[in-house]
Amino acid sequence: MDAFDDLPLLRAFIGVVESGSISAGARRMKIPQPTLSRYLRTLEDRSGAALLRRDTRRMSLTETGHRLLADARAMLSLAEDAKQRLSRDQKTLNGHLRLFSTIDSGQFTVSRLVSSFLQASPNVTAELAFTNRPSHMIEEGCDVGILPGRLMDESVVARPAGHIVLYLVASPVLLKSRPAVKRLEDLACWPWVGLSGIQFWDSHKVTLFDSKGAEQAMETSPVLLSEGVTSIRETVRSGLGVAVKFPEIPIGNQLCDRLVEEFLCVS
């Protein structure tokens, strides 16, 4: 080991010099005088030269001591600056985030969440991408994704970030063309419009709840599968079929109270 491998030894040396003596340095640093003397001897051994001239009346620096004092002060100053920067980094968020979300939820819900986060974190910038194929974004090195549906990649770290409630809806045009729904299974033969993508809810099987909370699973045969919720909204509005939809954008009549709640996960 050399003189610069141990910062406490350098602090002890500076403390002795600035205090004027070992005894004064020990009082200032609140350590025993023999301990401080041992620190100083260790530092001189590692330096390979005497750092201080001591007699009964005064203490002075050798030429090597002068050089070491300047270097020690510079090193400790850099160490303190690094410590303060690390502390600030831990208390204040900063940097650039690469985010991704599904197309429709990203443009509405996630965009609002990201906006609130950036307003609360002025030192952070972000890039938000939209895709219904999240595995591609992970491969491209995005930092985080906010996705509805199920986690399909077990190697991805994910946490629940909230939930969404899905509703079963149809347009007035379709309702008028069909017999009244008296039981949930009556809907099985209706035309359906579904959301494609294996990470989302199953468009070929839905679990419904009636107004009394009774649960029933039902197989469906969609006439159209689409990657976009906005696309589904427009096709349902035209009367093409029944669909599972978010409640934020009304389409028409709700056919039952709600569907199973799907978690929104952060990958």
C-alpha atoms as a PDB file:
ATOM      1  CA  MET A   1       0.000   0.000   0.000  1.00  0.00           C
ATOM      2  CA  ASP A   2       1.124   3.555  -0.622  1.00  0.00           C
ATOM      3  CA  ALA A   3       0.358   6.914   0.965  1.00  0.00           C
ATOM      4  CA  PHE A   4      -2.767   7.518  -1.138  1.00  0.00           C
ATOM      5  CA  ASP A   5      -4.536   4.212  -0.451  1.00  0.00           C
ATOM      6  CA  ASP A   6      -6.040   5.301   2.866  1.00  0.00           C
ATOM      7  CA  LEU A   7      -8.017   8.561   3.066  1.00  0.00           C
ATOM      8  CA  PRO A   8      -8.264   8.520   6.901  1.00  0.00           C
ATOM      9  CA  LEU A   9      -4.446   8.705   7.088  1.00  0.00           C
ATOM     10  CA  LEU A  10      -4.466  11.739   4.803  1.00  0.00           C
ATOM     11  CA  ARG A  11      -7.193  13.381   6.927  1.00  0.00           C
ATOM     12  CA  ALA A  12      -5.109  12.740  10.031  1.00  0.00           C
ATOM     13  CA  PHE A  13      -2.047  14.322   8.407  1.00  0.00           C
ATOM     14  CA  ILE A  14      -3.999  17.432   7.357  1.00  0.00           C
ATOM     15  CA  GLY A  15      -5.510  17.669  10.842  1.00  0.00           C
ATOM     16  CA  VAL A  16      -2.062  17.652  12.499  1.00  0.00           C
ATOM     17  CA  VAL A  17      -0.680  20.286  10.112  1.00  0.00           C
ATOM     18  CA  GLU A  18      -3.682  22.607  10.437  1.00  0.00           C
ATOM     19  CA  SER A  19      -3.789  22.240  14.236  1.00  0.00           C
ATOM     20  CA  GLY A  20      -0.056  22.880  14.701  1.00  0.00           C
ATOM     21  CA  SER A  21       0.692  19.785  16.794  1.00  0.00           C
ATOM     22  CA  ILE A  22      -0.293  16.176  17.294  1.00  0.00           C
ATOM     23  CA  SER A  23      -1.960  16.873  20.643  1.00  0.00           C
ATOM     24  CA  ALA A  24      -4.011  19.761  19.199  1.00  0.00           C
ATOM     25  CA  GLY A  25      -4.888  17.633  16.169  1.00  0.00           C
ATOM     26  CA  ALA A  26      -6.088  14.805  18.423  1.00  0.00           C
ATOM     27  CA  ARG A  27      -8.358  17.191  20.321  1.00  0.00           C
ATOM     28  CA  ARG A  28      -9.712  18.651  17.078  1.00  0.00           C
ATOM     29  CA  MET A  29     -10.368  15.263  15.495  1.00  0.00           C
ATOM     30  CA  LYS A  30     -11.595  13.750  18.785  1.00  0.00           C
ATOM     31  CA  ILE A  31      -9.310  10.721  18.651  1.00  0.00           C
ATOM     32  CA  PRO A  32      -6.644   9.570  21.144  1.00  0.00           C
ATOM     33  CA  GLN A  33      -3.221  11.170  20.706  1.00  0.00           C
ATOM     34  CA  PRO A  34      -1.406   7.777  20.462  1.00  0.00           C
ATOM     35  CA  THR A  35      -3.792   6.775  17.636  1.00  0.00           C
ATOM     36  CA  LEU A  36      -3.070   9.970  15.721  1.00  0.00           C
ATOM     37  CA  SER A  37       0.699   9.492  16.227  1.00  0.00           C
ATOM     38  CA  ARG A  38       0.361   5.955  14.840  1.00  0.00           C
ATOM     39  CA  TYR A  39      -1.525   7.272  11.791  1.00  0.00           C
ATOM     40  CA  LEU A  40       1.245   9.772  11.121  1.00  0.00           C
ATOM     41  CA  ARG A  41       4.004   7.136  11.438  1.00  0.00           C
ATOM     42  CA  THR A  42       2.111   4.806   9.079  1.00  0.00           C
ATOM     43  CA  LEU A  43       1.734   7.563   6.505  1.00  0.00           C
ATOM     44  CA  GLU A  44       5.460   8.399   6.703  1.00  0.00           C
ATOM     45  CA  ASP A  45       6.347   4.715   6.300  1.00  0.00           C
ATOM     46  CA  ARG A  46       4.193   4.451   3.197  1.00  0.00           C
ATOM     47  CA  SER A  47       5.613   7.709   1.820  1.00  0.00           C
ATOM     48  CA  GLY A  48       9.173   6.503   2.352  1.00  0.00           C
ATOM     49  CA  ALA A  49      10.195   9.870   3.835  1.00  0.00           C
ATOM     50  CA  ALA A  50       9.660  12.106   6.866  1.00  0.00           C
ATOM     51  CA  LEU A  51       6.729  14.490   6.471  1.00  0.00           C
ATOM     52  CA  LEU A  52       7.191  16.618   9.594  1.00  0.00           C
ATOM     53  CA  ARG A  53      10.171  18.055  11.497  1.00  0.00           C
ATOM     54  CA  ARG A  54       9.375  18.011  15.217  1.00  0.00           C
ATOM     55  CA  ASP A  55      11.274  19.413  18.182  1.00  0.00           C
ATOM     56  CA  THR A  56      10.259  20.561  21.651  1.00  0.00           C
ATOM     57  CA  ARG A  57       9.148  23.995  20.480  1.00  0.00           C
ATOM     58  CA  ARG A  58       7.613  23.664  17.014  1.00  0.00           C
ATOM     59  CA  MET A  59       6.637  21.460  14.085  1.00  0.00           C
ATOM     60  CA  SER A  60       7.302  22.149  10.409  1.00  0.00           C
ATOM     61  CA  LEU A  61       6.734  20.373   7.095  1.00  0.00           C
ATOM     62  CA  THR A  62       9.521  18.780   5.117  1.00  0.00           C
ATOM     63  CA  GLU A  63       9.671  19.299   1.358  1.00  0.00           C
ATOM     64  CA  THR A  64       7.956  15.922   0.852  1.00  0.00           C
ATOM     65  CA  GLY A  65       5.409  16.913   3.467  1.00  0.00           C
ATOM     66  CA  HIS A  66       4.551  20.117   1.579  1.00  0.00           C
ATOM     67  CA  ARG A  67       3.934  18.173  -1.638  1.00  0.00           C
ATOM     68  CA  LEU A  68       1.894  15.483   0.106  1.00  0.00           C
ATOM     69  CA  LEU A  69      -0.200  18.103   1.911  1.00  0.00           C
ATOM     70  CA  ALA A  70      -1.201  19.742  -1.373  1.00  0.00           C
ATOM     71  CA  ASP A  71      -2.035  16.386  -2.980  1.00  0.00           C
ATOM     72  CA  ALA A  72      -3.938  15.175   0.092  1.00  0.00           C
ATOM     73  CA  ARG A  73      -6.087  18.304   0.174  1.00  0.00           C
ATOM     74  CA  ALA A  74      -6.871  17.939  -3.532  1.00  0.00           C
ATOM     75  CA  MET A  75      -7.809  14.258  -3.147  1.00  0.00           C
ATOM     76  CA  LEU A  76     -10.035  14.855  -0.128  1.00  0.00           C
ATOM     77  CA  SER A  77     -11.726  17.764  -1.891  1.00  0.00           C
ATOM     78  CA  LEU A  78     -12.524  15.531  -4.873  1.00  0.00           C
ATOM     79  CA  ALA A  79     -13.796  12.795  -2.540  1.00  0.00           C
ATOM     80  CA  GLU A  80     -16.094  15.259  -0.772  1.00  0.00           C
ATOM     81  CA  ASP A  81     -17.415  16.617  -4.081  1.00  0.00           C
ATOM     82  CA  ALA A  82     -18.150  13.064  -5.250  1.00  0.00           C
ATOM     83  CA  LYS A  83     -19.936  12.309  -1.986  1.00  0.00           C
ATOM     84  CA  GLN A  84     -22.150  15.378  -2.352  1.00  0.00           C
ATOM     85  CA  ARG A  85     -22.973  14.555  -5.985  1.00  0.00           C
ATOM     86  CA  LEU A  86     -23.912  11.010  -5.005  1.00  0.00           C
ATOM     87  CA  SER A  87     -26.135  12.333  -2.232  1.00  0.00           C
ATOM     88  CA  ARG A  88     -27.854  14.745  -4.649  1.00  0.00           C
ATOM     89  CA  ASP A  89     -28.371  11.958  -7.186  1.00  0.00           C
ATOM     90  CA  GLN A  90     -30.074   9.842  -4.541  1.00  0.00           C
ATOM     91  CA  LYS A  91     -32.400  12.666  -3.548  1.00  0.00           C
ATOM     92  CA  THR A  92     -33.103  14.155  -6.988  1.00  0.00           C
ATOM     93  CA  LEU A  93     -34.082  12.226 -10.094  1.00  0.00           C
ATOM     94  CA  ASN A  94     -32.220  13.131 -13.263  1.00  0.00           C
ATOM     95  CA  GLY A  95     -31.417  11.610 -16.639  1.00  0.00           C
ATOM     96  CA  HIS A  96     -33.266  10.401 -19.734  1.00  0.00           C
ATOM     97  CA  LEU A  97     -35.903   7.632 -19.768  1.00  0.00           C
ATOM     98  CA  ARG A  98     -36.910   5.530 -22.768  1.00  0.00           C
ATOM     99  CA  LEU A  99     -40.514   4.454 -22.191  1.00  0.00           C
ATOM    100  CA  PHE A 100     -43.008   2.459 -24.192  1.00  0.00           C
ATOM    101  CA  SER A 101     -46.666   1.579 -23.918  1.00  0.00           C
ATOM    102  CA  THR A 102     -49.450   0.102 -25.968  1.00  0.00           C
ATOM    103  CA  ILE A 103     -50.853   2.400 -28.627  1.00  0.00           C
ATOM    104  CA  ASP A 104     -54.232   3.374 -27.189  1.00  0.00           C
ATOM    105  CA  SER A 105     -53.582   3.268 -23.444  1.00  0.00           C
ATOM    106  CA  GLY A 106     -50.275   5.056 -24.079  1.00  0.00           C
ATOM    107  CA  GLN A 107     -51.886   7.965 -25.902  1.00  0.00           C
ATOM    108  CA  PHE A 108     -54.433   8.516 -23.154  1.00  0.00           C
ATOM    109  CA  THR A 109     -53.629   7.147 -19.686  1.00  0.00           C
ATOM    110  CA  VAL A 110     -49.853   6.698 -19.913  1.00  0.00           C
ATOM    111  CA  SER A 111     -49.259  10.069 -21.580  1.00  0.00           C
ATOM    112  CA  ARG A 112     -50.986  11.769 -18.650  1.00  0.00           C
ATOM    113  CA  LEU A 113     -48.962   9.740 -16.136  1.00  0.00           C
ATOM    114  CA  VAL A 114     -45.672  10.563 -17.870  1.00  0.00           C
ATOM    115  CA  SER A 115     -46.625  14.238 -18.066  1.00  0.00           C
ATOM    116  CA  SER A 116     -47.288  14.363 -14.306  1.00  0.00           C
ATOM    117  CA  PHE A 117     -44.019  12.562 -13.588  1.00  0.00           C
ATOM    118  CA  LEU A 118     -41.941  14.934 -15.737  1.00  0.00           C
ATOM    119  CA  GLN A 119     -43.564  17.992 -14.165  1.00  0.00           C
ATOM    120  CA  ALA A 120     -42.612  16.661 -10.739  1.00  0.00           C
ATOM    121  CA  SER A 121     -39.069  15.759 -11.919  1.00  0.00           C
ATOM    122  CA  PRO A 122     -37.678  18.785 -13.808  1.00  0.00           C
ATOM    123  CA  ASN A 123     -34.235  17.160 -14.287  1.00  0.00           C
ATOM    124  CA  VAL A 124     -35.664  14.180 -16.153  1.00  0.00           C
ATOM    125  CA  THR A 125     -36.443  13.930 -19.868  1.00  0.00           C
ATOM    126  CA  ALA A 126     -38.287  11.070 -21.547  1.00  0.00           C
ATOM    127  CA  GLU A 127     -39.000   9.443 -24.874  1.00  0.00           C
ATOM    128  CA  LEU A 128     -42.357   7.636 -25.177  1.00  0.00           C
ATOM    129  CA  ALA A 129     -42.907   5.007 -27.882  1.00  0.00           C
ATOM    130  CA  PHE A 130     -46.173   3.241 -28.730  1.00  0.00           C
ATOM    131  CA  THR A 131     -46.375  -0.401 -29.728  1.00  0.00           C
ATOM    132  CA  ASN A 132     -48.603  -3.428 -29.206  1.00  0.00           C
ATOM    133  CA  ARG A 133     -45.583  -5.718 -29.469  1.00  0.00           C
ATOM    134  CA  PRO A 134     -43.633  -4.974 -26.287  1.00  0.00           C
ATOM    135  CA  SER A 135     -40.951  -7.645 -26.750  1.00  0.00           C
ATOM    136  CA  HIS A 136     -39.483  -5.590 -29.613  1.00  0.00           C
ATOM    137  CA  MET A 137     -39.114  -2.516 -27.398  1.00  0.00           C
ATOM    138  CA  ILE A 138     -37.378  -4.505 -24.653  1.00  0.00           C
ATOM    139  CA  GLU A 139     -34.925  -5.855 -27.218  1.00  0.00           C
ATOM    140  CA  GLU A 140     -34.232  -2.290 -28.383  1.00  0.00           C
ATOM    141  CA  GLY A 141     -33.169  -1.269 -24.893  1.00  0.00           C
ATOM    142  CA  CYS A 142     -36.121   0.707 -23.522  1.00  0.00           C
ATOM    143  CA  ASP A 143     -35.924   1.332 -19.785  1.00  0.00           C
ATOM    144  CA  VAL A 144     -39.521   0.655 -18.808  1.00  0.00           C
ATOM    145  CA  GLY A 145     -42.903  -0.165 -20.306  1.00  0.00           C
ATOM    146  CA  ILE A 146     -46.418   0.424 -18.951  1.00  0.00           C
ATOM    147  CA  LEU A 147     -48.681  -2.236 -20.363  1.00  0.00           C
ATOM    148  CA  PRO A 148     -52.188  -3.579 -19.821  1.00  0.00           C
ATOM    149  CA  GLY A 149     -52.712  -7.310 -19.815  1.00  0.00           C
ATOM    150  CA  ARG A 150     -50.630 -10.301 -18.822  1.00  0.00           C
ATOM    151  CA  LEU A 151     -46.884 -10.716 -18.391  1.00  0.00           C
ATOM    152  CA  MET A 152     -45.662 -13.028 -21.151  1.00  0.00           C
ATOM    153  CA  ASP A 153     -41.885 -12.916 -20.515  1.00  0.00           C
ATOM    154  CA  GLU A 154     -40.878 -14.393 -17.146  1.00  0.00           C
ATOM    155  CA  SER A 155     -37.397 -12.846 -17.426  1.00  0.00           C
ATOM    156  CA  VAL A 156     -38.852  -9.320 -17.221  1.00  0.00           C
ATOM    157  CA  VAL A 157     -39.237  -7.663 -13.825  1.00  0.00           C
ATOM    158  CA  ALA A 158     -42.832  -6.416 -13.471  1.00  0.00           C
ATOM    159  CA  ARG A 159     -44.904  -4.814 -10.738  1.00  0.00           C
ATOM    160  CA  PRO A 160     -48.624  -3.989 -10.586  1.00  0.00           C
ATOM    161  CA  ALA A 161     -49.115  -0.283 -11.214  1.00  0.00           C
ATOM    162  CA  GLY A 162     -52.907  -0.074 -11.050  1.00  0.00           C
ATOM    163  CA  HIS A 163     -55.914  -1.679 -12.635  1.00  0.00           C
ATOM    164  CA  ILE A 164     -58.449  -1.075 -15.343  1.00  0.00           C
ATOM    165  CA  VAL A 165     -62.068  -2.217 -15.489  1.00  0.00           C
ATOM    166  CA  LEU A 166     -63.375  -3.479 -18.822  1.00  0.00           C
ATOM    167  CA  TYR A 167     -66.972  -3.230 -19.997  1.00  0.00           C
ATOM    168  CA  LEU A 168     -68.900  -5.178 -22.579  1.00  0.00           C
ATOM    169  CA  VAL A 169     -70.539  -2.795 -25.046  1.00  0.00           C
ATOM    170  CA  ALA A 170     -72.459  -2.681 -28.312  1.00  0.00           C
ATOM    171  CA  SER A 171     -73.963   0.034 -30.491  1.00  0.00           C
ATOM    172  CA  PRO A 172     -77.707   0.855 -30.547  1.00  0.00           C
ATOM    173  CA  VAL A 173     -77.758  -0.259 -34.193  1.00  0.00           C
ATOM    174  CA  LEU A 174     -76.648  -3.778 -33.264  1.00  0.00           C
ATOM    175  CA  LEU A 175     -78.968  -3.971 -30.257  1.00  0.00           C
ATOM    176  CA  LYS A 176     -82.006  -3.141 -32.381  1.00  0.00           C
ATOM    177  CA  SER A 177     -81.153  -5.876 -34.879  1.00  0.00           C
ATOM    178  CA  ARG A 178     -80.909  -8.639 -32.260  1.00  0.00           C
ATOM    179  CA  PRO A 179     -83.292 -10.293 -29.806  1.00  0.00           C
ATOM    180  CA  ALA A 180     -83.139  -8.939 -26.256  1.00  0.00           C
ATOM    181  CA  VAL A 181     -80.422 -10.460 -24.076  1.00  0.00           C
ATOM    182  CA  LYS A 182     -82.053 -12.327 -21.181  1.00  0.00           C
ATOM    183  CA  ARG A 183     -79.082 -14.477 -20.171  1.00  0.00           C
ATOM    184  CA  LEU A 184     -75.374 -13.934 -20.619  1.00  0.00           C
ATOM    185  CA  GLU A 185     -75.037 -17.027 -22.776  1.00  0.00           C
ATOM    186  CA  ASP A 186     -77.398 -15.375 -25.269  1.00  0.00           C
ATOM    187  CA  LEU A 187     -74.412 -13.264 -26.318  1.00  0.00           C
ATOM    188  CA  ALA A 188     -72.359 -16.247 -27.477  1.00  0.00           C
ATOM    189  CA  CYS A 189     -73.964 -16.267 -30.917  1.00  0.00           C
ATOM    190  CA  TRP A 190     -73.593 -12.495 -31.425  1.00  0.00           C
ATOM    191  CA  PRO A 191     -70.794 -11.142 -33.634  1.00  0.00           C
ATOM    192  CA  TRP A 192     -67.750 -10.052 -31.620  1.00  0.00           C
ATOM    193  CA  VAL A 193     -64.880  -7.635 -32.198  1.00  0.00           C
ATOM    194  CA  GLY A 194     -61.695  -8.433 -30.272  1.00  0.00           C
ATOM    195  CA  LEU A 195     -58.278  -7.026 -29.398  1.00  0.00           C
ATOM    196  CA  SER A 196     -55.416  -9.017 -30.910  1.00  0.00           C
ATOM    197  CA  GLY A 197     -52.190  -9.732 -29.053  1.00  0.00           C
ATOM    198  CA  ILE A 198     -51.480 -12.628 -26.706  1.00  0.00           C
ATOM    199  CA  GLN A 199     -50.441 -10.284 -23.880  1.00  0.00           C
ATOM    200  CA  PHE A 200     -53.954  -8.822 -23.676  1.00  0.00           C
ATOM    201  CA  TRP A 201     -57.149 -10.417 -22.422  1.00  0.00           C
ATOM    202  CA  ASP A 202     -58.371 -13.441 -24.367  1.00  0.00           C
ATOM    203  CA  SER A 203     -60.601 -12.245 -27.226  1.00  0.00           C
ATOM    204  CA  HIS A 204     -61.976 -15.770 -27.707  1.00  0.00           C
ATOM    205  CA  LYS A 205     -63.047 -16.229 -24.107  1.00  0.00           C
ATOM    206  CA  VAL A 206     -64.484 -13.639 -21.719  1.00  0.00           C
ATOM    207  CA  THR A 207     -65.565 -13.845 -18.101  1.00  0.00           C
ATOM    208  CA  LEU A 208     -68.672 -11.747 -17.469  1.00  0.00           C
ATOM    209  CA  PHE A 209     -70.378 -10.495 -14.321  1.00  0.00           C
ATOM    210  CA  ASP A 210     -74.053  -9.593 -14.182  1.00  0.00           C
ATOM    211  CA  SER A 211     -75.603  -6.891 -12.007  1.00  0.00           C
ATOM    212  CA  LYS A 212     -75.805  -9.334  -9.070  1.00  0.00           C
ATOM    213  CA  GLY A 213     -72.160 -10.332  -9.325  1.00  0.00           C
ATOM    214  CA  ALA A 214     -72.750 -13.750 -10.846  1.00  0.00           C
ATOM    215  CA  GLU A 215     -69.758 -14.871 -12.923  1.00  0.00           C
ATOM    216  CA  GLN A 216     -69.883 -16.743 -16.205  1.00  0.00           C
ATOM    217  CA  ALA A 217     -67.194 -17.618 -18.756  1.00  0.00           C
ATOM    218  CA  MET A 218     -68.182 -17.635 -22.406  1.00  0.00           C
ATOM    219  CA  GLU A 219     -66.493 -18.694 -25.625  1.00  0.00           C
ATOM    220  CA  THR A 220     -66.667 -16.184 -28.502  1.00  0.00           C
ATOM    221  CA  SER A 221     -65.810 -16.185 -32.194  1.00  0.00           C
ATOM    222  CA  PRO A 222     -64.698 -12.671 -33.214  1.00  0.00           C
ATOM    223  CA  VAL A 223     -65.493 -11.513 -36.741  1.00  0.00           C
ATOM    224  CA  LEU A 224     -62.646  -9.001 -36.448  1.00  0.00           C
ATOM    225  CA  LEU A 225     -59.448  -8.820 -34.397  1.00  0.00           C
ATOM    226  CA  SER A 226     -57.647  -5.470 -34.294  1.00  0.00           C
ATOM    227  CA  GLU A 227     -54.484  -4.210 -32.597  1.00  0.00           C
ATOM    228  CA  GLY A 228     -56.032  -0.817 -31.862  1.00  0.00           C
ATOM    229  CA  VAL A 229     -58.665   0.050 -29.265  1.00  0.00           C
ATOM    230  CA  THR A 230     -59.663   3.099 -31.317  1.00  0.00           C
ATOM    231  CA  SER A 231     -60.232   0.814 -34.301  1.00  0.00           C
ATOM    232  CA  ILE A 232     -62.431  -1.443 -32.191  1.00  0.00           C
ATOM    233  CA  ARG A 233     -64.404   1.558 -30.993  1.00  0.00           C
ATOM    234  CA  GLU A 234     -65.182   2.664 -34.532  1.00  0.00           C
ATOM    235  CA  THR A 235     -66.157  -0.799 -35.768  1.00  0.00           C
ATOM    236  CA  VAL A 236     -68.456  -1.314 -32.786  1.00  0.00           C
ATOM    237  CA  ARG A 237     -70.023   2.103 -33.347  1.00  0.00           C
ATOM    238  CA  SER A 238     -70.838   1.039 -36.881  1.00  0.00           C
ATOM    239  CA  GLY A 239     -72.731  -1.976 -35.543  1.00  0.00           C
ATOM    240  CA  LEU A 240     -70.257  -4.699 -36.510  1.00  0.00           C
ATOM    241  CA  GLY A 241     -70.276  -6.520 -33.189  1.00  0.00           C
ATOM    242  CA  VAL A 242     -69.931  -6.655 -29.402  1.00  0.00           C
ATOM    243  CA  ALA A 243     -66.602  -5.751 -27.814  1.00  0.00           C
ATOM    244  CA  VAL A 244     -64.731  -5.437 -24.539  1.00  0.00           C
ATOM    245  CA  LYS A 245     -63.926  -1.766 -24.004  1.00  0.00           C
ATOM    246  CA  PHE A 246     -62.537   0.738 -21.534  1.00  0.00           C
ATOM    247  CA  PRO A 247     -65.205   2.995 -20.012  1.00  0.00           C
ATOM    248  CA  GLU A 248     -63.448   6.313 -20.830  1.00  0.00           C
ATOM    249  CA  ILE A 249     -64.854   6.515 -24.368  1.00  0.00           C
ATOM    250  CA  PRO A 250     -68.571   5.570 -24.484  1.00  0.00           C
ATOM    251  CA  ILE A 251     -69.702   3.566 -27.519  1.00  0.00           C
ATOM    252  CA  GLY A 252     -73.304   2.707 -26.816  1.00  0.00           C
ATOM    253  CA  ASN A 253     -75.210   0.563 -24.381  1.00  0.00           C
ATOM    254  CA  GLN A 254     -73.426  -1.501 -21.757  1.00  0.00           C
ATOM    255  CA  LEU A 255     -74.608  -5.106 -21.940  1.00  0.00           C
ATOM    256  CA  CYS A 256     -73.442  -6.095 -18.455  1.00  0.00           C
ATOM    257  CA  ASP A 257     -72.025  -4.346 -15.419  1.00  0.00           C
ATOM    258  CA  ARG A 258     -68.339  -5.182 -15.795  1.00  0.00           C
ATOM    259  CA  LEU A 259     -65.684  -7.696 -16.790  1.00  0.00           C
ATOM    260  CA  VAL A 260     -62.732  -9.070 -14.868  1.00  0.00           C
ATOM    261  CA  GLU A 261     -60.335  -6.337 -13.800  1.00  0.00           C
ATOM    262  CA  GLU A 262     -57.051  -6.507 -15.682  1.00  0.00           C
ATOM    263  CA  PHE A 263     -53.864  -5.300 -14.015  1.00  0.00           C
ATOM    264  CA  LEU A 264     -51.679  -2.674 -15.645  1.00  0.00           C
ATOM    265  CA  CYS A 265     -48.108  -3.916 -15.207  1.00  0.00           C
ATOM    266  CA  VAL A 266     -44.763  -2.139 -15.449  1.00  0.00           C
ATOM    267  CA  SER A 267     -42.153  -4.235 -17.259  1.00  0.00           C
END
